């Protein structure tokens, strides 16, 4: 799983447009749940379920609180799943690796050609 970092709203929009299957991790530095979610995402990234997915890390301290509010985010961490630029699910709070696998399987399963 490739990991990207958005340093601006334009980076965020470009990633949504460029990657058909995208996990977005909205986080901030002083968030214990965010650090735990990072560990879950690292374990998930080592599985076959992560193949073909892109992880976009969006840090509140970099893109700004107004950007987070504009997306309707109420807490960190929040993990959002996007298919073809459209949000398909939003998971607030810490997610375990099995919860991430389940969400990806349900909302971002590969489409057979």
PDB file of N, CA and C in Angstrom:
ATOM      1  N   UNK A   1       0.847  -1.174   0.000  1.00  0.00           N
ATOM      2  CA  UNK A   1       0.000   0.000   0.000  1.00  0.00           C
ATOM      3  C   UNK A   1       0.890   1.234   0.000  1.00  0.00           C
ATOM      4  N   UNK A   2       0.656   2.063  -0.961  1.00  0.00           N
ATOM      5  CA  UNK A   2       1.405   3.316  -1.078  1.00  0.00           C
ATOM      6  C   UNK A   2       0.848   4.331  -0.083  1.00  0.00           C
ATOM      7  N   UNK A   3       1.719   5.130   0.530  1.00  0.00           N
ATOM      8  CA  UNK A   3       1.294   6.171   1.468  1.00  0.00           C
ATOM      9  C   UNK A   3       1.677   7.536   0.927  1.00  0.00           C
ATOM     10  N   UNK A   4       0.705   8.444   0.910  1.00  0.00           N
ATOM     11  CA  UNK A   4       0.907   9.824   0.482  1.00  0.00           C
ATOM     12  C   UNK A   4       0.558  10.741   1.654  1.00  0.00           C
ATOM     13  N   UNK A   5       1.037  11.984   1.589  1.00  0.00           N
ATOM     14  CA  UNK A   5       0.740  12.972   2.620  1.00  0.00           C
ATOM     15  C   UNK A   5       0.198  14.228   1.945  1.00  0.00           C
ATOM     16  N   UNK A   6      -0.948  14.709   2.421  1.00  0.00           N
ATOM     17  CA  UNK A   6      -1.528  15.945   1.892  1.00  0.00           C
ATOM     18  C   UNK A   6      -1.053  17.105   2.753  1.00  0.00           C
ATOM     19  N   UNK A   7      -0.433  18.092   2.119  1.00  0.00           N
ATOM     20  CA  UNK A   7       0.006  19.267   2.861  1.00  0.00           C
ATOM     21  C   UNK A   7      -0.867  20.482   2.556  1.00  0.00           C
ATOM     22  N   UNK A   8      -1.894  20.282   1.727  1.00  0.00           N
ATOM     23  CA  UNK A   8      -2.816  21.373   1.394  1.00  0.00           C
ATOM     24  C   UNK A   8      -4.137  20.773   0.904  1.00  0.00           C
ATOM     25  N   UNK A   9      -5.186  21.573   0.888  1.00  0.00           N
ATOM     26  CA  UNK A   9      -6.445  21.090   0.305  1.00  0.00           C
ATOM     27  C   UNK A   9      -6.286  20.671  -1.162  1.00  0.00           C
ATOM     28  N   UNK A  10      -5.393  21.341  -1.893  1.00  0.00           N
ATOM     29  CA  UNK A  10      -5.161  20.961  -3.295  1.00  0.00           C
ATOM     30  C   UNK A  10      -4.541  19.570  -3.389  1.00  0.00           C
ATOM     31  N   UNK A  11      -3.589  19.245  -2.492  1.00  0.00           N
ATOM     32  CA  UNK A  11      -3.013  17.890  -2.467  1.00  0.00           C
ATOM     33  C   UNK A  11      -4.094  16.851  -2.205  1.00  0.00           C
ATOM     34  N   UNK A  12      -4.979  17.179  -1.282  1.00  0.00           N
ATOM     35  CA  UNK A  12      -6.085  16.284  -0.927  1.00  0.00           C
ATOM     36  C   UNK A  12      -6.968  16.025  -2.148  1.00  0.00           C
ATOM     37  N   UNK A  13      -7.383  17.095  -2.818  1.00  0.00           N
ATOM     38  CA  UNK A  13      -8.245  16.970  -3.999  1.00  0.00           C
ATOM     39  C   UNK A  13      -7.550  16.193  -5.110  1.00  0.00           C
ATOM     40  N   UNK A  14      -6.258  16.438  -5.305  1.00  0.00           N
ATOM     41  CA  UNK A  14      -5.501  15.729  -6.348  1.00  0.00           C
ATOM     42  C   UNK A  14      -5.438  14.230  -6.053  1.00  0.00           C
ATOM     43  N   UNK A  15      -5.245  13.865  -4.793  1.00  0.00           N
ATOM     44  CA  UNK A  15      -5.180  12.448  -4.426  1.00  0.00           C
ATOM     45  C   UNK A  15      -6.533  11.776  -4.642  1.00  0.00           C
ATOM     46  N   UNK A  16      -7.614  12.458  -4.286  1.00  0.00           N
ATOM     47  CA  UNK A  16      -8.945  11.889  -4.515  1.00  0.00           C
ATOM     48  C   UNK A  16      -9.185  11.651  -5.998  1.00  0.00           C
ATOM     49  N   UNK A  17      -8.724  12.578  -6.826  1.00  0.00           N
ATOM     50  CA  UNK A  17      -8.928  12.450  -8.267  1.00  0.00           C
ATOM     51  C   UNK A  17      -8.036  11.383  -8.890  1.00  0.00           C
ATOM     52  N   UNK A  18      -6.847  11.192  -8.343  1.00  0.00           N
ATOM     53  CA  UNK A  18      -5.853  10.325  -8.983  1.00  0.00           C
ATOM     54  C   UNK A  18      -5.938   8.854  -8.582  1.00  0.00           C
ATOM     55  N   UNK A  19      -6.542   8.552  -7.422  1.00  0.00           N
ATOM     56  CA  UNK A  19      -6.492   7.181  -6.910  1.00  0.00           C
ATOM     57  C   UNK A  19      -7.900   6.626  -6.724  1.00  0.00           C
ATOM     58  N   UNK A  20      -8.248   5.587  -7.506  1.00  0.00           N
ATOM     59  CA  UNK A  20      -9.618   5.070  -7.452  1.00  0.00           C
ATOM     60  C   UNK A  20      -9.996   4.379  -6.140  1.00  0.00           C
ATOM     61  N   UNK A  21      -9.024   3.842  -5.417  1.00  0.00           N
ATOM     62  CA  UNK A  21      -9.294   3.175  -4.132  1.00  0.00           C
ATOM     63  C   UNK A  21      -8.372   3.793  -3.098  1.00  0.00           C
ATOM     64  N   UNK A  22      -8.954   4.611  -2.216  1.00  0.00           N
ATOM     65  CA  UNK A  22      -8.160   5.449  -1.325  1.00  0.00           C
ATOM     66  C   UNK A  22      -8.683   5.359   0.101  1.00  0.00           C
ATOM     67  N   UNK A  23      -7.742   5.166   1.036  1.00  0.00           N
ATOM     68  CA  UNK A  23      -8.028   5.303   2.462  1.00  0.00           C
ATOM     69  C   UNK A  23      -7.471   6.647   2.883  1.00  0.00           C
ATOM     70  N   UNK A  24      -8.249   7.432   3.618  1.00  0.00           N
ATOM     71  CA  UNK A  24      -7.771   8.720   4.095  1.00  0.00           C
ATOM     72  C   UNK A  24      -7.770   8.694   5.620  1.00  0.00           C
ATOM     73  N   UNK A  25      -6.601   8.949   6.191  1.00  0.00           N
ATOM     74  CA  UNK A  25      -6.419   8.987   7.635  1.00  0.00           C
ATOM     75  C   UNK A  25      -6.317  10.444   8.054  1.00  0.00           C
ATOM     76  N   UNK A  26      -7.382  10.957   8.711  1.00  0.00           N
ATOM     77  CA  UNK A  26      -7.391  12.316   9.244  1.00  0.00           C
ATOM     78  C   UNK A  26      -6.900  12.222  10.688  1.00  0.00           C
ATOM     79  N   UNK A  27      -5.803  12.923  10.995  1.00  0.00           N
ATOM     80  CA  UNK A  27      -5.188  12.763  12.306  1.00  0.00           C
ATOM     81  C   UNK A  27      -4.542  14.062  12.776  1.00  0.00           C
ATOM     82  N   UNK A  28      -4.097  14.039  14.060  1.00  0.00           N
ATOM     83  CA  UNK A  28      -3.298  15.145  14.590  1.00  0.00           C
ATOM     84  C   UNK A  28      -2.241  14.559  15.519  1.00  0.00           C
ATOM     85  N   UNK A  29      -1.214  15.356  15.802  1.00  0.00           N
ATOM     86  CA  UNK A  29      -0.050  14.877  16.554  1.00  0.00           C
ATOM     87  C   UNK A  29      -0.355  14.448  17.986  1.00  0.00           C
ATOM     88  N   UNK A  30      -1.149  15.211  18.704  1.00  0.00           N
ATOM     89  CA  UNK A  30      -1.339  14.941  20.128  1.00  0.00           C
ATOM     90  C   UNK A  30      -2.545  14.036  20.405  1.00  0.00           C
ATOM     91  N   UNK A  31      -2.728  13.042  19.572  1.00  0.00           N
ATOM     92  CA  UNK A  31      -3.901  12.169  19.627  1.00  0.00           C
ATOM     93  C   UNK A  31      -3.462  10.720  19.848  1.00  0.00           C
ATOM     94  N   UNK A  32      -3.662  10.184  21.052  1.00  0.00           N
ATOM     95  CA  UNK A  32      -3.255   8.792  21.305  1.00  0.00           C
ATOM     96  C   UNK A  32      -3.937   7.779  20.379  1.00  0.00           C
ATOM     97  N   UNK A  33      -5.226   7.995  20.091  1.00  0.00           N
ATOM     98  CA  UNK A  33      -5.934   7.092  19.182  1.00  0.00           C
ATOM     99  C   UNK A  33      -5.350   7.109  17.776  1.00  0.00           C
ATOM    100  N   UNK A  34      -4.814   8.273  17.371  1.00  0.00           N
ATOM    101  CA  UNK A  34      -4.187   8.400  16.047  1.00  0.00           C
ATOM    102  C   UNK A  34      -2.921   7.544  15.970  1.00  0.00           C
ATOM    103  N   UNK A  35      -2.142   7.554  17.045  1.00  0.00           N
ATOM    104  CA  UNK A  35      -0.924   6.740  17.080  1.00  0.00           C
ATOM    105  C   UNK A  35      -1.279   5.249  17.046  1.00  0.00           C
ATOM    106  N   UNK A  36      -2.348   4.872  17.738  1.00  0.00           N
ATOM    107  CA  UNK A  36      -2.789   3.476  17.722  1.00  0.00           C
ATOM    108  C   UNK A  36      -3.306   3.090  16.335  1.00  0.00           C
ATOM    109  N   UNK A  37      -4.030   4.004  15.679  1.00  0.00           N
ATOM    110  CA  UNK A  37      -4.517   3.730  14.336  1.00  0.00           C
ATOM    111  C   UNK A  37      -3.346   3.565  13.369  1.00  0.00           C
ATOM    112  N   UNK A  38      -2.278   4.345  13.552  1.00  0.00           N
ATOM    113  CA  UNK A  38      -1.078   4.183  12.720  1.00  0.00           C
ATOM    114  C   UNK A  38      -0.550   2.752  12.797  1.00  0.00           C
ATOM    115  N   UNK A  39      -0.541   2.186  14.002  1.00  0.00           N
ATOM    116  CA  UNK A  39      -0.073   0.803  14.162  1.00  0.00           C
ATOM    117  C   UNK A  39      -1.006  -0.169  13.450  1.00  0.00           C
ATOM    118  N   UNK A  40      -2.300   0.055  13.537  1.00  0.00           N
ATOM    119  CA  UNK A  40      -3.266  -0.798  12.832  1.00  0.00           C
ATOM    120  C   UNK A  40      -3.073  -0.698  11.315  1.00  0.00           C
ATOM    121  N   UNK A  41      -2.883   0.527  10.833  1.00  0.00           N
ATOM    122  CA  UNK A  41      -2.689   0.715   9.389  1.00  0.00           C
ATOM    123  C   UNK A  41      -1.402   0.049   8.914  1.00  0.00           C
ATOM    124  N   UNK A  42      -0.351   0.088   9.731  1.00  0.00           N
ATOM    125  CA  UNK A  42       0.908  -0.578   9.369  1.00  0.00           C
ATOM    126  C   UNK A  42       0.703  -2.086   9.274  1.00  0.00           C
ATOM    127  N   UNK A  43      -0.032  -2.661  10.210  1.00  0.00           N
ATOM    128  CA  UNK A  43      -0.320  -4.103  10.146  1.00  0.00           C
ATOM    129  C   UNK A  43      -1.187  -4.421   8.947  1.00  0.00           C
ATOM    130  N   UNK A  44      -2.193  -3.589   8.691  1.00  0.00           N
ATOM    131  CA  UNK A  44      -3.062  -3.788   7.536  1.00  0.00           C
ATOM    132  C   UNK A  44      -2.264  -3.699   6.236  1.00  0.00           C
ATOM    133  N   UNK A  45      -1.333  -2.745   6.153  1.00  0.00           N
ATOM    134  CA  UNK A  45      -0.535  -2.541   4.933  1.00  0.00           C
ATOM    135  C   UNK A  45       0.278  -3.778   4.566  1.00  0.00           C
ATOM    136  N   UNK A  46       0.596  -4.613   5.550  1.00  0.00           N
ATOM    137  CA  UNK A  46       1.400  -5.815   5.305  1.00  0.00           C
ATOM    138  C   UNK A  46       0.552  -6.995   4.815  1.00  0.00           C
ATOM    139  N   UNK A  47      -0.749  -6.793   4.666  1.00  0.00           N
ATOM    140  CA  UNK A  47      -1.623  -7.884   4.229  1.00  0.00           C
ATOM    141  C   UNK A  47      -1.963  -7.758   2.747  1.00  0.00           C
ATOM    142  N   UNK A  48      -2.428  -8.860   2.169  1.00  0.00           N
ATOM    143  CA  UNK A  48      -2.864  -8.847   0.774  1.00  0.00           C
ATOM    144  C   UNK A  48      -4.076  -7.938   0.568  1.00  0.00           C
ATOM    145  N   UNK A  49      -4.855  -7.727   1.624  1.00  0.00           N
ATOM    146  CA  UNK A  49      -6.041  -6.873   1.510  1.00  0.00           C
ATOM    147  C   UNK A  49      -5.685  -5.433   1.150  1.00  0.00           C
ATOM    148  N   UNK A  50      -4.445  -5.035   1.416  1.00  0.00           N
ATOM    149  CA  UNK A  50      -4.017  -3.661   1.145  1.00  0.00           C
ATOM    150  C   UNK A  50      -3.524  -3.467  -0.291  1.00  0.00           C
ATOM    151  N   UNK A  51      -3.369  -4.550  -1.045  1.00  0.00           N
ATOM    152  CA  UNK A  51      -2.866  -4.449  -2.414  1.00  0.00           C
ATOM    153  C   UNK A  51      -3.752  -3.525  -3.251  1.00  0.00           C
ATOM    154  N   UNK A  52      -3.132  -2.601  -3.950  1.00  0.00           N
ATOM    155  CA  UNK A  52      -3.852  -1.706  -4.842  1.00  0.00           C
ATOM    156  C   UNK A  52      -4.494  -0.509  -4.158  1.00  0.00           C
ATOM    157  N   UNK A  53      -4.342  -0.402  -2.858  1.00  0.00           N
ATOM    158  CA  UNK A  53      -4.903   0.738  -2.135  1.00  0.00           C
ATOM    159  C   UNK A  53      -3.833   1.804  -1.925  1.00  0.00           C
ATOM    160  N   UNK A  54      -4.286   3.025  -1.777  1.00  0.00           N
ATOM    161  CA  UNK A  54      -3.406   4.143  -1.441  1.00  0.00           C
ATOM    162  C   UNK A  54      -3.910   4.731  -0.130  1.00  0.00           C
ATOM    163  N   UNK A  55      -2.980   5.006   0.779  1.00  0.00           N
ATOM    164  CA  UNK A  55      -3.298   5.649   2.047  1.00  0.00           C
ATOM    165  C   UNK A  55      -2.880   7.107   1.959  1.00  0.00           C
ATOM    166  N   UNK A  56      -3.817   8.000   2.221  1.00  0.00           N
ATOM    167  CA  UNK A  56      -3.534   9.434   2.243  1.00  0.00           C
ATOM    168  C   UNK A  56      -3.620   9.911   3.681  1.00  0.00           C
ATOM    169  N   UNK A  57      -2.506  10.425   4.206  1.00  0.00           N
ATOM    170  CA  UNK A  57      -2.439  10.949   5.565  1.00  0.00           C
ATOM    171  C   UNK A  57      -2.715  12.453   5.504  1.00  0.00           C
ATOM    172  N   UNK A  58      -3.724  12.905   6.279  1.00  0.00           N
ATOM    173  CA  UNK A  58      -4.105  14.316   6.303  1.00  0.00           C
ATOM    174  C   UNK A  58      -4.006  14.791   7.747  1.00  0.00           C
ATOM    175  N   UNK A  59      -3.020  15.634   8.008  1.00  0.00           N
ATOM    176  CA  UNK A  59      -2.716  16.081   9.368  1.00  0.00           C
ATOM    177  C   UNK A  59      -3.365  17.435   9.647  1.00  0.00           C
ATOM    178  N   UNK A  60      -4.151  17.487  10.718  1.00  0.00           N
ATOM    179  CA  UNK A  60      -4.863  18.705  11.089  1.00  0.00           C
ATOM    180  C   UNK A  60      -3.924  19.891  11.225  1.00  0.00           C
ATOM    181  N   UNK A  61      -2.776  19.692  11.855  1.00  0.00           N
ATOM    182  CA  UNK A  61      -1.863  20.809  12.080  1.00  0.00           C
ATOM    183  C   UNK A  61      -1.281  21.369  10.779  1.00  0.00           C
ATOM    184  N   UNK A  62      -1.345  20.610   9.702  1.00  0.00           N
ATOM    185  CA  UNK A  62      -0.806  21.086   8.417  1.00  0.00           C
ATOM    186  C   UNK A  62      -1.907  21.689   7.544  1.00  0.00           C
ATOM    187  N   UNK A  63      -3.021  20.979   7.353  1.00  0.00           N
ATOM    188  CA  UNK A  63      -4.061  21.490   6.447  1.00  0.00           C
ATOM    189  C   UNK A  63      -5.022  22.451   7.126  1.00  0.00           C
ATOM    190  N   UNK A  64      -5.087  22.420   8.442  1.00  0.00           N
ATOM    191  CA  UNK A  64      -5.877  23.403   9.167  1.00  0.00           C
ATOM    192  C   UNK A  64      -7.221  22.904   9.661  1.00  0.00           C
ATOM    193  N   UNK A  65      -7.603  23.487  10.781  1.00  0.00           N
ATOM    194  CA  UNK A  65      -8.860  23.103  11.427  1.00  0.00           C
ATOM    195  C   UNK A  65     -10.074  23.452  10.570  1.00  0.00           C
ATOM    196  N   UNK A  66     -10.022  24.557   9.843  1.00  0.00           N
ATOM    197  CA  UNK A  66     -11.151  24.944   8.989  1.00  0.00           C
ATOM    198  C   UNK A  66     -11.405  23.891   7.910  1.00  0.00           C
ATOM    199  N   UNK A  67     -10.324  23.339   7.358  1.00  0.00           N
ATOM    200  CA  UNK A  67     -10.461  22.281   6.342  1.00  0.00           C
ATOM    201  C   UNK A  67     -11.158  21.075   6.961  1.00  0.00           C
ATOM    202  N   UNK A  68     -10.731  20.660   8.145  1.00  0.00           N
ATOM    203  CA  UNK A  68     -11.347  19.510   8.829  1.00  0.00           C
ATOM    204  C   UNK A  68     -12.830  19.775   9.094  1.00  0.00           C
ATOM    205  N   UNK A  69     -13.135  20.963   9.611  1.00  0.00           N
ATOM    206  CA  UNK A  69     -14.536  21.310   9.884  1.00  0.00           C
ATOM    207  C   UNK A  69     -15.366  21.299   8.610  1.00  0.00           C
ATOM    208  N   UNK A  70     -14.780  21.802   7.519  1.00  0.00           N
ATOM    209  CA  UNK A  70     -15.483  21.821   6.237  1.00  0.00           C
ATOM    210  C   UNK A  70     -15.858  20.434   5.737  1.00  0.00           C
ATOM    211  N   UNK A  71     -15.100  19.435   6.150  1.00  0.00           N
ATOM    212  CA  UNK A  71     -15.406  18.054   5.768  1.00  0.00           C
ATOM    213  C   UNK A  71     -16.380  17.398   6.753  1.00  0.00           C
ATOM    214  N   UNK A  72     -16.750  18.135   7.790  1.00  0.00           N
ATOM    215  CA  UNK A  72     -17.658  17.580   8.780  1.00  0.00           C
ATOM    216  C   UNK A  72     -16.996  16.622   9.753  1.00  0.00           C
ATOM    217  N   UNK A  73     -15.677  16.713   9.881  1.00  0.00           N
ATOM    218  CA  UNK A  73     -14.955  15.841  10.805  1.00  0.00           C
ATOM    219  C   UNK A  73     -15.134  16.347  12.225  1.00  0.00           C
ATOM    220  N   UNK A  74     -15.473  15.432  13.125  1.00  0.00           N
ATOM    221  CA  UNK A  74     -15.731  15.804  14.510  1.00  0.00           C
ATOM    222  C   UNK A  74     -14.683  15.264  15.471  1.00  0.00           C
ATOM    223  N   UNK A  75     -13.852  14.321  15.002  1.00  0.00           N
ATOM    224  CA  UNK A  75     -12.833  13.769  15.890  1.00  0.00           C
ATOM    225  C   UNK A  75     -11.691  13.187  15.081  1.00  0.00           C
ATOM    226  N   UNK A  76     -10.562  13.066  15.767  1.00  0.00           N
ATOM    227  CA  UNK A  76      -9.428  12.341  15.210  1.00  0.00           C
ATOM    228  C   UNK A  76      -9.157  11.182  16.149  1.00  0.00           C
ATOM    229  N   UNK A  77      -8.728  10.054  15.624  1.00  0.00           N
ATOM    230  CA  UNK A  77      -8.579   9.806  14.192  1.00  0.00           C
ATOM    231  C   UNK A  77      -9.927   9.526  13.541  1.00  0.00           C
ATOM    232  N   UNK A  78      -9.994   9.783  12.269  1.00  0.00           N
ATOM    233  CA  UNK A  78     -11.104   9.348  11.426  1.00  0.00           C
ATOM    234  C   UNK A  78     -10.490   8.767  10.169  1.00  0.00           C
ATOM    235  N   UNK A  79     -10.986   7.618   9.781  1.00  0.00           N
ATOM    236  CA  UNK A  79     -10.540   6.948   8.567  1.00  0.00           C
ATOM    237  C   UNK A  79     -11.699   6.978   7.578  1.00  0.00           C
ATOM    238  N   UNK A  80     -11.458   7.487   6.388  1.00  0.00           N
ATOM    239  CA  UNK A  80     -12.492   7.527   5.354  1.00  0.00           C
ATOM    240  C   UNK A  80     -12.043   6.679   4.170  1.00  0.00           C
ATOM    241  N   UNK A  81     -13.009   6.029   3.533  1.00  0.00           N
ATOM    242  CA  UNK A  81     -12.745   5.183   2.374  1.00  0.00           C
ATOM    243  C   UNK A  81     -13.387   5.842   1.162  1.00  0.00           C
ATOM    244  N   UNK A  82     -12.611   5.947   0.089  1.00  0.00           N
ATOM    245  CA  UNK A  82     -13.081   6.590  -1.134  1.00  0.00           C
ATOM    246  C   UNK A  82     -12.921   5.648  -2.322  1.00  0.00           C
ATOM    247  N   UNK A  83     -13.951   5.597  -3.156  1.00  0.00           N
ATOM    248  CA  UNK A  83     -13.891   4.877  -4.430  1.00  0.00           C
ATOM    249  C   UNK A  83     -14.206   5.894  -5.521  1.00  0.00           C
ATOM    250  N   UNK A  84     -13.267   6.044  -6.457  1.00  0.00           N
ATOM    251  CA  UNK A  84     -13.428   6.972  -7.578  1.00  0.00           C
ATOM    252  C   UNK A  84     -13.814   8.380  -7.109  1.00  0.00           C
ATOM    253  N   UNK A  85     -13.158   8.838  -6.024  1.00  0.00           N
ATOM    254  CA  UNK A  85     -13.361  10.191  -5.544  1.00  0.00           C
ATOM    255  C   UNK A  85     -14.582  10.399  -4.668  1.00  0.00           C
ATOM    256  N   UNK A  86     -15.397   9.361  -4.502  1.00  0.00           N
ATOM    257  CA  UNK A  86     -16.603   9.471  -3.680  1.00  0.00           C
ATOM    258  C   UNK A  86     -16.404   8.736  -2.364  1.00  0.00           C
ATOM    259  N   UNK A  87     -16.743   9.390  -1.259  1.00  0.00           N
ATOM    260  CA  UNK A  87     -16.622   8.748   0.046  1.00  0.00           C
ATOM    261  C   UNK A  87     -17.665   7.638   0.167  1.00  0.00           C
ATOM    262  N   UNK A  88     -17.204   6.439   0.525  1.00  0.00           N
ATOM    263  CA  UNK A  88     -18.105   5.302   0.683  1.00  0.00           C
ATOM    264  C   UNK A  88     -18.322   4.931   2.142  1.00  0.00           C
ATOM    265  N   UNK A  89     -17.411   5.333   3.024  1.00  0.00           N
ATOM    266  CA  UNK A  89     -17.551   5.049   4.453  1.00  0.00           C
ATOM    267  C   UNK A  89     -16.648   5.972   5.245  1.00  0.00           C
ATOM    268  N   UNK A  90     -17.058   6.217   6.492  1.00  0.00           N
ATOM    269  CA  UNK A  90     -16.257   7.019   7.414  1.00  0.00           C
ATOM    270  C   UNK A  90     -16.265   6.299   8.755  1.00  0.00           C
ATOM    271  N   UNK A  91     -15.068   6.021   9.268  1.00  0.00           N
ATOM    272  CA  UNK A  91     -14.910   5.292  10.525  1.00  0.00           C
ATOM    273  C   UNK A  91     -14.236   6.208  11.533  1.00  0.00           C
ATOM    274  N   UNK A  92     -14.983   6.643  12.526  1.00  0.00           N
ATOM    275  CA  UNK A  92     -14.450   7.549  13.530  1.00  0.00           C
ATOM    276  C   UNK A  92     -13.811   6.762  14.663  1.00  0.00           C
ATOM    277  N   UNK A  93     -12.692   7.272  15.155  1.00  0.00           N
ATOM    278  CA  UNK A  93     -12.014   6.637  16.276  1.00  0.00           C
ATOM    279  C   UNK A  93     -11.062   5.549  15.840  1.00  0.00           C
ATOM    280  N   UNK A  94     -10.459   4.916  16.842  1.00  0.00           N
ATOM    281  CA  UNK A  94      -9.498   3.848  16.592  1.00  0.00           C
ATOM    282  C   UNK A  94     -10.171   2.682  15.878  1.00  0.00           C
ATOM    283  N   UNK A  95      -9.464   2.096  14.911  1.00  0.00           N
ATOM    284  CA  UNK A  95      -9.925   0.908  14.194  1.00  0.00           C
ATOM    285  C   UNK A  95      -8.830  -0.148  14.281  1.00  0.00           C
ATOM    286  N   UNK A  96      -9.206  -1.359  14.624  1.00  0.00           N
ATOM    287  CA  UNK A  96      -8.240  -2.462  14.678  1.00  0.00           C
ATOM    288  C   UNK A  96      -7.964  -2.950  13.261  1.00  0.00           C
ATOM    289  N   UNK A  97      -6.847  -3.681  13.055  1.00  0.00           N
ATOM    290  CA  UNK A  97      -6.588  -4.214  11.709  1.00  0.00           C
ATOM    291  C   UNK A  97      -7.767  -5.022  11.155  1.00  0.00           C
ATOM    292  N   UNK A  98      -8.410  -5.922  11.937  1.00  0.00           N
ATOM    293  CA  UNK A  98      -9.569  -6.643  11.375  1.00  0.00           C
ATOM    294  C   UNK A  98     -10.725  -5.723  10.983  1.00  0.00           C
ATOM    295  N   UNK A  99     -10.931  -4.636  11.724  1.00  0.00           N
ATOM    296  CA  UNK A  99     -11.985  -3.685  11.363  1.00  0.00           C
ATOM    297  C   UNK A  99     -11.657  -2.986  10.043  1.00  0.00           C
ATOM    298  N   UNK A 100     -10.388  -2.682   9.831  1.00  0.00           N
ATOM    299  CA  UNK A 100      -9.975  -2.049   8.575  1.00  0.00           C
ATOM    300  C   UNK A 100     -10.160  -3.027   7.423  1.00  0.00           C
ATOM    301  N   UNK A 101      -9.744  -4.277   7.613  1.00  0.00           N
ATOM    302  CA  UNK A 101      -9.925  -5.310   6.577  1.00  0.00           C
ATOM    303  C   UNK A 101     -11.398  -5.421   6.210  1.00  0.00           C
ATOM    304  N   UNK A 102     -12.264  -5.484   7.215  1.00  0.00           N
ATOM    305  CA  UNK A 102     -13.695  -5.633   6.970  1.00  0.00           C
ATOM    306  C   UNK A 102     -14.254  -4.431   6.204  1.00  0.00           C
ATOM    307  N   UNK A 103     -13.869  -3.219   6.601  1.00  0.00           N
ATOM    308  CA  UNK A 103     -14.362  -2.019   5.932  1.00  0.00           C
ATOM    309  C   UNK A 103     -13.893  -1.965   4.481  1.00  0.00           C
ATOM    310  N   UNK A 104     -12.619  -2.297   4.246  1.00  0.00           N
ATOM    311  CA  UNK A 104     -12.091  -2.298   2.877  1.00  0.00           C
ATOM    312  C   UNK A 104     -12.808  -3.349   2.026  1.00  0.00           C
ATOM    313  N   UNK A 105     -13.000  -4.543   2.588  1.00  0.00           N
ATOM    314  CA  UNK A 105     -13.677  -5.613   1.844  1.00  0.00           C
ATOM    315  C   UNK A 105     -15.106  -5.201   1.484  1.00  0.00           C
ATOM    316  N   UNK A 106     -15.759  -4.509   2.385  1.00  0.00           N
ATOM    317  CA  UNK A 106     -17.149  -4.130   2.151  1.00  0.00           C
ATOM    318  C   UNK A 106     -17.294  -2.913   1.234  1.00  0.00           C
ATOM    319  N   UNK A 107     -16.411  -1.924   1.387  1.00  0.00           N
ATOM    320  CA  UNK A 107     -16.580  -0.649   0.688  1.00  0.00           C
ATOM    321  C   UNK A 107     -15.619  -0.417  -0.477  1.00  0.00           C
ATOM    322  N   UNK A 108     -14.494  -1.159  -0.502  1.00  0.00           N
ATOM    323  CA  UNK A 108     -13.492  -0.886  -1.545  1.00  0.00           C
ATOM    324  C   UNK A 108     -13.013  -2.155  -2.242  1.00  0.00           C
ATOM    325  N   UNK A 109     -13.809  -3.199  -2.212  1.00  0.00           N
ATOM    326  CA  UNK A 109     -13.385  -4.437  -2.866  1.00  0.00           C
ATOM    327  C   UNK A 109     -13.067  -4.151  -4.335  1.00  0.00           C
ATOM    328  N   UNK A 110     -12.004  -4.787  -4.858  1.00  0.00           N
ATOM    329  CA  UNK A 110     -11.663  -4.554  -6.264  1.00  0.00           C
ATOM    330  C   UNK A 110     -12.825  -4.919  -7.178  1.00  0.00           C
ATOM    331  N   UNK A 111     -13.000  -4.141  -8.207  1.00  0.00           N
ATOM    332  CA  UNK A 111     -14.029  -4.415  -9.197  1.00  0.00           C
ATOM    333  C   UNK A 111     -13.384  -5.230 -10.316  1.00  0.00           C
ATOM    334  N   UNK A 112     -13.945  -6.398 -10.593  1.00  0.00           N
ATOM    335  CA  UNK A 112     -13.393  -7.238 -11.665  1.00  0.00           C
ATOM    336  C   UNK A 112     -13.666  -6.589 -13.007  1.00  0.00           C
ATOM    337  N   UNK A 113     -12.653  -6.635 -13.852  1.00  0.00           N
ATOM    338  CA  UNK A 113     -12.771  -6.004 -15.171  1.00  0.00           C
ATOM    339  C   UNK A 113     -13.558  -6.887 -16.120  1.00  0.00           C
TER     340      UNK A 113
END
